[in-house]
Amino acid sequence: MPQEKKSTYTGQTDARRKANAKYLKEAVEDVRIRVPKGQKAIIKAHAESQEESMNAFVVRAIDETMERDNEE
Protein backbone atom coordinates (compact mmCIF):
# COMPACT_ATOMS: atom_id res chain seq x y z
CA MET A 1 0.00 0.00 0.00
CA PRO A 2 1.50 3.40 -0.97
CA GLN A 3 2.49 5.66 1.86
CA GLU A 4 0.37 8.80 2.14
CA LYS A 5 2.11 12.14 1.79
CA LYS A 6 2.03 14.11 4.99
CA SER A 7 0.98 17.71 4.73
CA THR A 8 3.69 20.25 5.45
CA TYR A 9 0.93 22.46 6.86
CA THR A 10 0.25 21.00 10.26
CA GLY A 11 -2.63 22.41 12.23
CA GLN A 12 -4.11 24.25 9.28
CA THR A 13 -7.61 25.58 9.69
CA ASP A 14 -10.30 25.20 7.04
CA ALA A 15 -10.06 28.92 6.35
CA ARG A 16 -6.31 28.66 5.71
CA ARG A 17 -6.78 25.65 3.41
CA LYS A 18 -9.45 27.53 1.45
CA ALA A 19 -7.25 30.62 1.20
CA ASN A 20 -4.32 28.51 -0.04
CA ALA A 21 -6.52 26.76 -2.62
CA LYS A 22 -7.85 30.14 -3.84
CA TYR A 23 -4.33 31.55 -4.16
CA LEU A 24 -3.11 28.51 -6.10
CA LYS A 25 -6.11 28.68 -8.42
CA GLU A 26 -5.69 32.40 -9.13
CA ALA A 27 -1.92 32.92 -9.05
CA VAL A 28 -0.13 29.86 -10.40
CA GLU A 29 -0.37 27.24 -13.12
CA ASP A 30 0.90 23.68 -13.09
CA VAL A 31 3.37 22.43 -15.67
CA ARG A 32 4.26 18.76 -15.65
CA ILE A 33 7.61 17.63 -16.95
CA ARG A 34 9.02 14.16 -17.38
CA VAL A 35 12.67 13.29 -17.03
CA PRO A 36 14.59 10.04 -17.52
CA LYS A 37 14.79 7.72 -14.51
CA GLY A 38 17.40 8.97 -12.07
CA GLN A 39 17.38 12.54 -13.40
CA LYS A 40 14.93 13.77 -10.76
CA ALA A 41 17.38 12.94 -7.97
CA ILE A 42 20.16 14.77 -9.83
CA ILE A 43 17.96 17.85 -10.34
CA LYS A 44 16.85 17.80 -6.71
CA ALA A 45 20.42 17.51 -5.43
CA HIS A 46 21.54 20.39 -7.64
CA ALA A 47 18.63 22.58 -6.52
CA GLU A 48 19.44 21.84 -2.88
CA SER A 49 23.10 22.70 -3.50
CA GLN A 50 21.86 26.09 -4.73
CA GLU A 51 19.66 26.40 -1.61
CA GLU A 52 16.43 26.45 -3.59
CA SER A 53 13.50 24.15 -4.14
CA MET A 54 13.29 21.97 -7.22
CA ASN A 55 10.41 24.14 -8.42
CA ALA A 56 12.38 27.36 -7.95
CA PHE A 57 15.36 25.85 -9.76
CA VAL A 58 13.29 24.67 -12.74
CA VAL A 59 11.51 28.04 -13.02
CA ARG A 60 14.86 29.84 -12.86
CA ALA A 61 16.38 27.51 -15.47
CA ILE A 62 13.46 28.14 -17.82
CA ASP A 63 13.56 31.93 -17.28
CA GLU A 64 17.33 32.12 -17.83
CA THR A 65 17.17 29.95 -20.95
CA MET A 66 14.35 32.01 -22.48
CA GLU A 67 16.20 35.22 -21.69
CA ARG A 68 19.38 33.86 -23.30
CA ASP A 69 17.45 32.60 -26.34
CA ASN A 70 15.88 36.03 -26.83
CA GLU A 71 19.29 37.72 -26.87
CA GLU A 72 20.31 35.87 -30.03
PDB file of N, CA and C in Angstrom:
ATOM      1  N   MET A   1       0.845  -1.183   0.000  1.00  0.00           N
ATOM      2  CA  MET A   1       0.000   0.000   0.000  1.00  0.00           C
ATOM      3  C   MET A   1       0.890   1.245   0.000  1.00  0.00           C
ATOM      4  N   PRO A   2       0.652   2.206  -0.915  1.00  0.00           N
ATOM      5  CA  PRO A   2       1.500   3.402  -0.969  1.00  0.00           C
ATOM      6  C   PRO A   2       1.369   4.238   0.295  1.00  0.00           C
ATOM      7  N   GLN A   3       2.479   4.811   0.671  1.00  0.00           N
ATOM      8  CA  GLN A   3       2.490   5.659   1.857  1.00  0.00           C
ATOM      9  C   GLN A   3       1.882   7.016   1.506  1.00  0.00           C
ATOM     10  N   GLU A   4       1.001   7.510   2.370  1.00  0.00           N
ATOM     11  CA  GLU A   4       0.373   8.800   2.139  1.00  0.00           C
ATOM     12  C   GLU A   4       1.373   9.915   2.393  1.00  0.00           C
ATOM     13  N   LYS A   5       1.285  10.967   1.552  1.00  0.00           N
ATOM     14  CA  LYS A   5       2.115  12.141   1.793  1.00  0.00           C
ATOM     15  C   LYS A   5       1.565  12.896   2.986  1.00  0.00           C
ATOM     16  N   LYS A   6       2.449  13.312   3.844  1.00  0.00           N
ATOM     17  CA  LYS A   6       2.029  14.108   4.986  1.00  0.00           C
ATOM     18  C   LYS A   6       2.059  15.569   4.597  1.00  0.00           C
ATOM     19  N   SER A   7       1.067  16.290   5.018  1.00  0.00           N
ATOM     20  CA  SER A   7       0.981  17.708   4.727  1.00  0.00           C
ATOM     21  C   SER A   7       2.099  18.445   5.461  1.00  0.00           C
ATOM     22  N   THR A   8       2.678  19.422   4.790  1.00  0.00           N
ATOM     23  CA  THR A   8       3.685  20.254   5.450  1.00  0.00           C
ATOM     24  C   THR A   8       3.010  21.344   6.272  1.00  0.00           C
ATOM     25  N   TYR A   9       1.692  21.456   6.137  1.00  0.00           N
ATOM     26  CA  TYR A   9       0.930  22.463   6.858  1.00  0.00           C
ATOM     27  C   TYR A   9       0.198  21.804   8.015  1.00  0.00           C
ATOM     28  N   THR A  10       0.876  21.639   9.117  1.00  0.00           N
ATOM     29  CA  THR A  10       0.252  20.997  10.263  1.00  0.00           C
ATOM     30  C   THR A  10      -0.616  22.007  10.998  1.00  0.00           C
ATOM     31  N   GLY A  11      -1.745  21.547  11.453  1.00  0.00           N
ATOM     32  CA  GLY A  11      -2.627  22.412  12.234  1.00  0.00           C
ATOM     33  C   GLY A  11      -3.327  23.469  11.412  1.00  0.00           C
ATOM     34  N   GLN A  12      -3.459  23.259  10.134  1.00  0.00           N
ATOM     35  CA  GLN A  12      -4.113  24.246   9.281  1.00  0.00           C
ATOM     36  C   GLN A  12      -5.614  24.270   9.513  1.00  0.00           C
ATOM     37  N   THR A  13      -6.159  25.452   9.553  1.00  0.00           N
ATOM     38  CA  THR A  13      -7.608  25.583   9.691  1.00  0.00           C
ATOM     39  C   THR A  13      -8.253  25.457   8.315  1.00  0.00           C
ATOM     40  N   ASP A  14      -9.567  25.246   8.311  1.00  0.00           N
ATOM     41  CA  ASP A  14     -10.304  25.197   7.042  1.00  0.00           C
ATOM     42  C   ASP A  14     -10.150  26.509   6.281  1.00  0.00           C
ATOM     43  N   ALA A  15     -10.183  27.614   6.994  1.00  0.00           N
ATOM     44  CA  ALA A  15     -10.063  28.924   6.347  1.00  0.00           C
ATOM     45  C   ALA A  15      -8.706  29.052   5.650  1.00  0.00           C
ATOM     46  N   ARG A  16      -7.648  28.581   6.294  1.00  0.00           N
ATOM     47  CA  ARG A  16      -6.307  28.659   5.712  1.00  0.00           C
ATOM     48  C   ARG A  16      -6.218  27.767   4.485  1.00  0.00           C
ATOM     49  N   ARG A  17      -6.789  26.559   4.562  1.00  0.00           N
ATOM     50  CA  ARG A  17      -6.784  25.647   3.412  1.00  0.00           C
ATOM     51  C   ARG A  17      -7.525  26.261   2.229  1.00  0.00           C
ATOM     52  N   LYS A  18      -8.662  26.885   2.507  1.00  0.00           N
ATOM     53  CA  LYS A  18      -9.453  27.530   1.447  1.00  0.00           C
ATOM     54  C   LYS A  18      -8.683  28.699   0.843  1.00  0.00           C
ATOM     55  N   ALA A  19      -8.027  29.476   1.689  1.00  0.00           N
ATOM     56  CA  ALA A  19      -7.251  30.616   1.198  1.00  0.00           C
ATOM     57  C   ALA A  19      -6.089  30.134   0.330  1.00  0.00           C
ATOM     58  N   ASN A  20      -5.421  29.060   0.746  1.00  0.00           N
ATOM     59  CA  ASN A  20      -4.322  28.505  -0.042  1.00  0.00           C
ATOM     60  C   ASN A  20      -4.829  28.008  -1.387  1.00  0.00           C
ATOM     61  N   ALA A  21      -5.950  27.294  -1.380  1.00  0.00           N
ATOM     62  CA  ALA A  21      -6.518  26.765  -2.622  1.00  0.00           C
ATOM     63  C   ALA A  21      -6.889  27.907  -3.557  1.00  0.00           C
ATOM     64  N   LYS A  22      -7.474  28.976  -3.021  1.00  0.00           N
ATOM     65  CA  LYS A  22      -7.853  30.139  -3.840  1.00  0.00           C
ATOM     66  C   LYS A  22      -6.613  30.786  -4.451  1.00  0.00           C
ATOM     67  N   TYR A  23      -5.566  30.964  -3.646  1.00  0.00           N
ATOM     68  CA  TYR A  23      -4.326  31.549  -4.156  1.00  0.00           C
ATOM     69  C   TYR A  23      -3.757  30.704  -5.286  1.00  0.00           C
ATOM     70  N   LEU A  24      -3.669  29.386  -5.071  1.00  0.00           N
ATOM     71  CA  LEU A  24      -3.108  28.506  -6.098  1.00  0.00           C
ATOM     72  C   LEU A  24      -3.929  28.556  -7.381  1.00  0.00           C
ATOM     73  N   LYS A  25      -5.243  28.636  -7.248  1.00  0.00           N
ATOM     74  CA  LYS A  25      -6.114  28.683  -8.421  1.00  0.00           C
ATOM     75  C   LYS A  25      -5.929  29.983  -9.200  1.00  0.00           C
ATOM     76  N   GLU A  26      -5.748  31.086  -8.490  1.00  0.00           N
ATOM     77  CA  GLU A  26      -5.688  32.403  -9.125  1.00  0.00           C
ATOM     78  C   GLU A  26      -4.290  32.837  -9.535  1.00  0.00           C
ATOM     79  N   ALA A  27      -3.251  32.338  -8.866  1.00  0.00           N
ATOM     80  CA  ALA A  27      -1.922  32.918  -9.046  1.00  0.00           C
ATOM     81  C   ALA A  27      -0.907  32.033  -9.759  1.00  0.00           C
ATOM     82  N   VAL A  28      -1.134  30.739  -9.808  1.00  0.00           N
ATOM     83  CA  VAL A  28      -0.131  29.862 -10.399  1.00  0.00           C
ATOM     84  C   VAL A  28      -0.763  28.841 -11.339  1.00  0.00           C
ATOM     85  N   GLU A  29       0.056  28.306 -12.229  1.00  0.00           N
ATOM     86  CA  GLU A  29      -0.367  27.241 -13.122  1.00  0.00           C
ATOM     87  C   GLU A  29       0.580  26.064 -12.943  1.00  0.00           C
ATOM     88  N   ASP A  30       0.075  24.876 -13.184  1.00  0.00           N
ATOM     89  CA  ASP A  30       0.900  23.677 -13.093  1.00  0.00           C
ATOM     90  C   ASP A  30       1.461  23.338 -14.456  1.00  0.00           C
ATOM     91  N   VAL A  31       2.719  22.941 -14.471  1.00  0.00           N
ATOM     92  CA  VAL A  31       3.371  22.427 -15.672  1.00  0.00           C
ATOM     93  C   VAL A  31       4.019  21.116 -15.273  1.00  0.00           C
ATOM     94  N   ARG A  32       3.686  20.066 -15.978  1.00  0.00           N
ATOM     95  CA  ARG A  32       4.257  18.759 -15.651  1.00  0.00           C
ATOM     96  C   ARG A  32       5.375  18.457 -16.633  1.00  0.00           C
ATOM     97  N   ILE A  33       6.506  18.038 -16.087  1.00  0.00           N
ATOM     98  CA  ILE A  33       7.613  17.631 -16.949  1.00  0.00           C
ATOM     99  C   ILE A  33       7.982  16.192 -16.618  1.00  0.00           C
ATOM    100  N   ARG A  34       8.550  15.529 -17.587  1.00  0.00           N
ATOM    101  CA  ARG A  34       9.017  14.158 -17.379  1.00  0.00           C
ATOM    102  C   ARG A  34      10.497  14.120 -17.697  1.00  0.00           C
ATOM    103  N   VAL A  35      11.224  13.424 -16.857  1.00  0.00           N
ATOM    104  CA  VAL A  35      12.666  13.295 -17.035  1.00  0.00           C
ATOM    105  C   VAL A  35      13.033  11.816 -16.997  1.00  0.00           C
ATOM    106  N   PRO A  36      14.160  11.448 -17.581  1.00  0.00           N
ATOM    107  CA  PRO A  36      14.589  10.043 -17.523  1.00  0.00           C
ATOM    108  C   PRO A  36      14.794   9.587 -16.084  1.00  0.00           C
ATOM    109  N   LYS A  37      14.584   8.291 -15.849  1.00  0.00           N
ATOM    110  CA  LYS A  37      14.790   7.716 -14.511  1.00  0.00           C
ATOM    111  C   LYS A  37      16.152   8.146 -13.970  1.00  0.00           C
ATOM    112  N   GLY A  38      16.165   8.554 -12.721  1.00  0.00           N
ATOM    113  CA  GLY A  38      17.402   8.965 -12.069  1.00  0.00           C
ATOM    114  C   GLY A  38      17.685  10.455 -12.184  1.00  0.00           C
ATOM    115  N   GLN A  39      17.111  11.118 -13.182  1.00  0.00           N
ATOM    116  CA  GLN A  39      17.379  12.541 -13.403  1.00  0.00           C
ATOM    117  C   GLN A  39      16.741  13.411 -12.317  1.00  0.00           C
ATOM    118  N   LYS A  40      15.593  12.988 -11.801  1.00  0.00           N
ATOM    119  CA  LYS A  40      14.931  13.768 -10.761  1.00  0.00           C
ATOM    120  C   LYS A  40      15.836  13.937  -9.547  1.00  0.00           C
ATOM    121  N   ALA A  41      16.488  12.866  -9.136  1.00  0.00           N
ATOM    122  CA  ALA A  41      17.384  12.938  -7.970  1.00  0.00           C
ATOM    123  C   ALA A  41      18.549  13.883  -8.238  1.00  0.00           C
ATOM    124  N   ILE A  42      19.057  13.877  -9.464  1.00  0.00           N
ATOM    125  CA  ILE A  42      20.160  14.770  -9.831  1.00  0.00           C
ATOM    126  C   ILE A  42      19.694  16.222  -9.794  1.00  0.00           C
ATOM    127  N   ILE A  43      18.513  16.490 -10.342  1.00  0.00           N
ATOM    128  CA  ILE A  43      17.963  17.850 -10.343  1.00  0.00           C
ATOM    129  C   ILE A  43      17.720  18.318  -8.915  1.00  0.00           C
ATOM    130  N   LYS A  44      17.133  17.445  -8.094  1.00  0.00           N
ATOM    131  CA  LYS A  44      16.850  17.801  -6.706  1.00  0.00           C
ATOM    132  C   LYS A  44      18.126  18.110  -5.940  1.00  0.00           C
ATOM    133  N   ALA A  45      19.143  17.292  -6.121  1.00  0.00           N
ATOM    134  CA  ALA A  45      20.418  17.510  -5.433  1.00  0.00           C
ATOM    135  C   ALA A  45      21.045  18.834  -5.863  1.00  0.00           C
ATOM    136  N   HIS A  46      20.977  19.128  -7.156  1.00  0.00           N
ATOM    137  CA  HIS A  46      21.538  20.395  -7.637  1.00  0.00           C
ATOM    138  C   HIS A  46      20.771  21.579  -7.054  1.00  0.00           C
ATOM    139  N   ALA A  47      19.442  21.492  -7.075  1.00  0.00           N
ATOM    140  CA  ALA A  47      18.631  22.580  -6.521  1.00  0.00           C
ATOM    141  C   ALA A  47      18.978  22.799  -5.051  1.00  0.00           C
ATOM    142  N   GLU A  48      19.097  21.726  -4.304  1.00  0.00           N
ATOM    143  CA  GLU A  48      19.440  21.837  -2.883  1.00  0.00           C
ATOM    144  C   GLU A  48      20.826  22.452  -2.701  1.00  0.00           C
ATOM    145  N   SER A  49      21.753  22.123  -3.605  1.00  0.00           N
ATOM    146  CA  SER A  49      23.101  22.705  -3.504  1.00  0.00           C
ATOM    147  C   SER A  49      23.071  24.213  -3.762  1.00  0.00           C
ATOM    148  N   GLN A  50      22.034  24.665  -4.460  1.00  0.00           N
ATOM    149  CA  GLN A  50      21.861  26.089  -4.728  1.00  0.00           C
ATOM    150  C   GLN A  50      20.930  26.742  -3.702  1.00  0.00           C
ATOM    151  N   GLU A  51      20.558  25.949  -2.681  1.00  0.00           N
ATOM    152  CA  GLU A  51      19.664  26.396  -1.612  1.00  0.00           C
ATOM    153  C   GLU A  51      18.324  26.897  -2.141  1.00  0.00           C
ATOM    154  N   GLU A  52      17.762  26.123  -3.092  1.00  0.00           N
ATOM    155  CA  GLU A  52      16.434  26.446  -3.593  1.00  0.00           C
ATOM    156  C   GLU A  52      15.645  25.160  -3.798  1.00  0.00           C
ATOM    157  N   SER A  53      14.347  25.312  -3.901  1.00  0.00           N
ATOM    158  CA  SER A  53      13.496  24.149  -4.137  1.00  0.00           C
ATOM    159  C   SER A  53      13.672  23.687  -5.581  1.00  0.00           C
ATOM    160  N   MET A  54      13.244  22.466  -5.847  1.00  0.00           N
ATOM    161  CA  MET A  54      13.291  21.969  -7.216  1.00  0.00           C
ATOM    162  C   MET A  54      12.447  22.862  -8.113  1.00  0.00           C
ATOM    163  N   ASN A  55      11.288  23.270  -7.631  1.00  0.00           N
ATOM    164  CA  ASN A  55      10.411  24.135  -8.420  1.00  0.00           C
ATOM    165  C   ASN A  55      11.110  25.458  -8.740  1.00  0.00           C
ATOM    166  N   ALA A  56      11.696  26.081  -7.733  1.00  0.00           N
ATOM    167  CA  ALA A  56      12.377  27.358  -7.948  1.00  0.00           C
ATOM    168  C   ALA A  56      13.527  27.199  -8.942  1.00  0.00           C
ATOM    169  N   PHE A  57      14.256  26.094  -8.842  1.00  0.00           N
ATOM    170  CA  PHE A  57      15.359  25.848  -9.762  1.00  0.00           C
ATOM    171  C   PHE A  57      14.860  25.696 -11.196  1.00  0.00           C
ATOM    172  N   VAL A  58      13.805  24.904 -11.384  1.00  0.00           N
ATOM    173  CA  VAL A  58      13.285  24.671 -12.738  1.00  0.00           C
ATOM    174  C   VAL A  58      12.752  25.972 -13.330  1.00  0.00           C
ATOM    175  N   VAL A  59      12.024  26.753 -12.534  1.00  0.00           N
ATOM    176  CA  VAL A  59      11.508  28.037 -13.020  1.00  0.00           C
ATOM    177  C   VAL A  59      12.667  28.958 -13.401  1.00  0.00           C
ATOM    178  N   ARG A  60      13.702  28.996 -12.563  1.00  0.00           N
ATOM    179  CA  ARG A  60      14.861  29.843 -12.857  1.00  0.00           C
ATOM    180  C   ARG A  60      15.562  29.373 -14.128  1.00  0.00           C
ATOM    181  N   ALA A  61      15.718  28.061 -14.283  1.00  0.00           N
ATOM    182  CA  ALA A  61      16.376  27.514 -15.473  1.00  0.00           C
ATOM    183  C   ALA A  61      15.600  27.882 -16.733  1.00  0.00           C
ATOM    184  N   ILE A  62      14.288  27.780 -16.667  1.00  0.00           N
ATOM    185  CA  ILE A  62      13.457  28.142 -17.815  1.00  0.00           C
ATOM    186  C   ILE A  62      13.591  29.635 -18.118  1.00  0.00           C
ATOM    187  N   ASP A  63      13.461  30.474 -17.083  1.00  0.00           N
ATOM    188  CA  ASP A  63      13.560  31.929 -17.279  1.00  0.00           C
ATOM    189  C   ASP A  63      14.904  32.321 -17.886  1.00  0.00           C
ATOM    190  N   GLU A  64      15.996  31.768 -17.333  1.00  0.00           N
ATOM    191  CA  GLU A  64      17.331  32.117 -17.828  1.00  0.00           C
ATOM    192  C   GLU A  64      17.536  31.641 -19.260  1.00  0.00           C
ATOM    193  N   THR A  65      17.029  30.459 -19.591  1.00  0.00           N
ATOM    194  CA  THR A  65      17.173  29.948 -20.951  1.00  0.00           C
ATOM    195  C   THR A  65      16.382  30.797 -21.932  1.00  0.00           C
ATOM    196  N   MET A  66      15.150  31.172 -21.583  1.00  0.00           N
ATOM    197  CA  MET A  66      14.349  32.006 -22.484  1.00  0.00           C
ATOM    198  C   MET A  66      14.995  33.369 -22.673  1.00  0.00           C
ATOM    199  N   GLU A  67      15.521  33.936 -21.599  1.00  0.00           N
ATOM    200  CA  GLU A  67      16.205  35.223 -21.695  1.00  0.00           C
ATOM    201  C   GLU A  67      17.408  35.125 -22.617  1.00  0.00           C
ATOM    202  N   ARG A  68      18.205  34.078 -22.453  1.00  0.00           N
ATOM    203  CA  ARG A  68      19.383  33.860 -23.297  1.00  0.00           C
ATOM    204  C   ARG A  68      18.967  33.638 -24.753  1.00  0.00           C
ATOM    205  N   ASP A  69      17.921  32.855 -24.976  1.00  0.00           N
ATOM    206  CA  ASP A  69      17.451  32.597 -26.343  1.00  0.00           C
ATOM    207  C   ASP A  69      16.974  33.868 -27.027  1.00  0.00           C
ATOM    208  N   ASN A  70      16.387  34.784 -26.263  1.00  0.00           N
ATOM    209  CA  ASN A  70      15.878  36.033 -26.830  1.00  0.00           C
ATOM    210  C   ASN A  70      16.972  37.045 -27.130  1.00  0.00           C
ATOM    211  N   GLU A  71      18.164  36.825 -26.598  1.00  0.00           N
ATOM    212  CA  GLU A  71      19.290  37.721 -26.867  1.00  0.00           C
ATOM    213  C   GLU A  71      19.923  37.443 -28.215  1.00  0.00           C
ATOM    214  N   GLU A  72      19.680  36.280 -28.762  1.00  0.00           N
ATOM    215  CA  GLU A  72      20.313  35.875 -30.031  1.00  0.00           C
ATOM    216  C   GLU A  72      19.736  36.622 -31.204  1.00  0.00           C
TER     217      GLU A  72
END
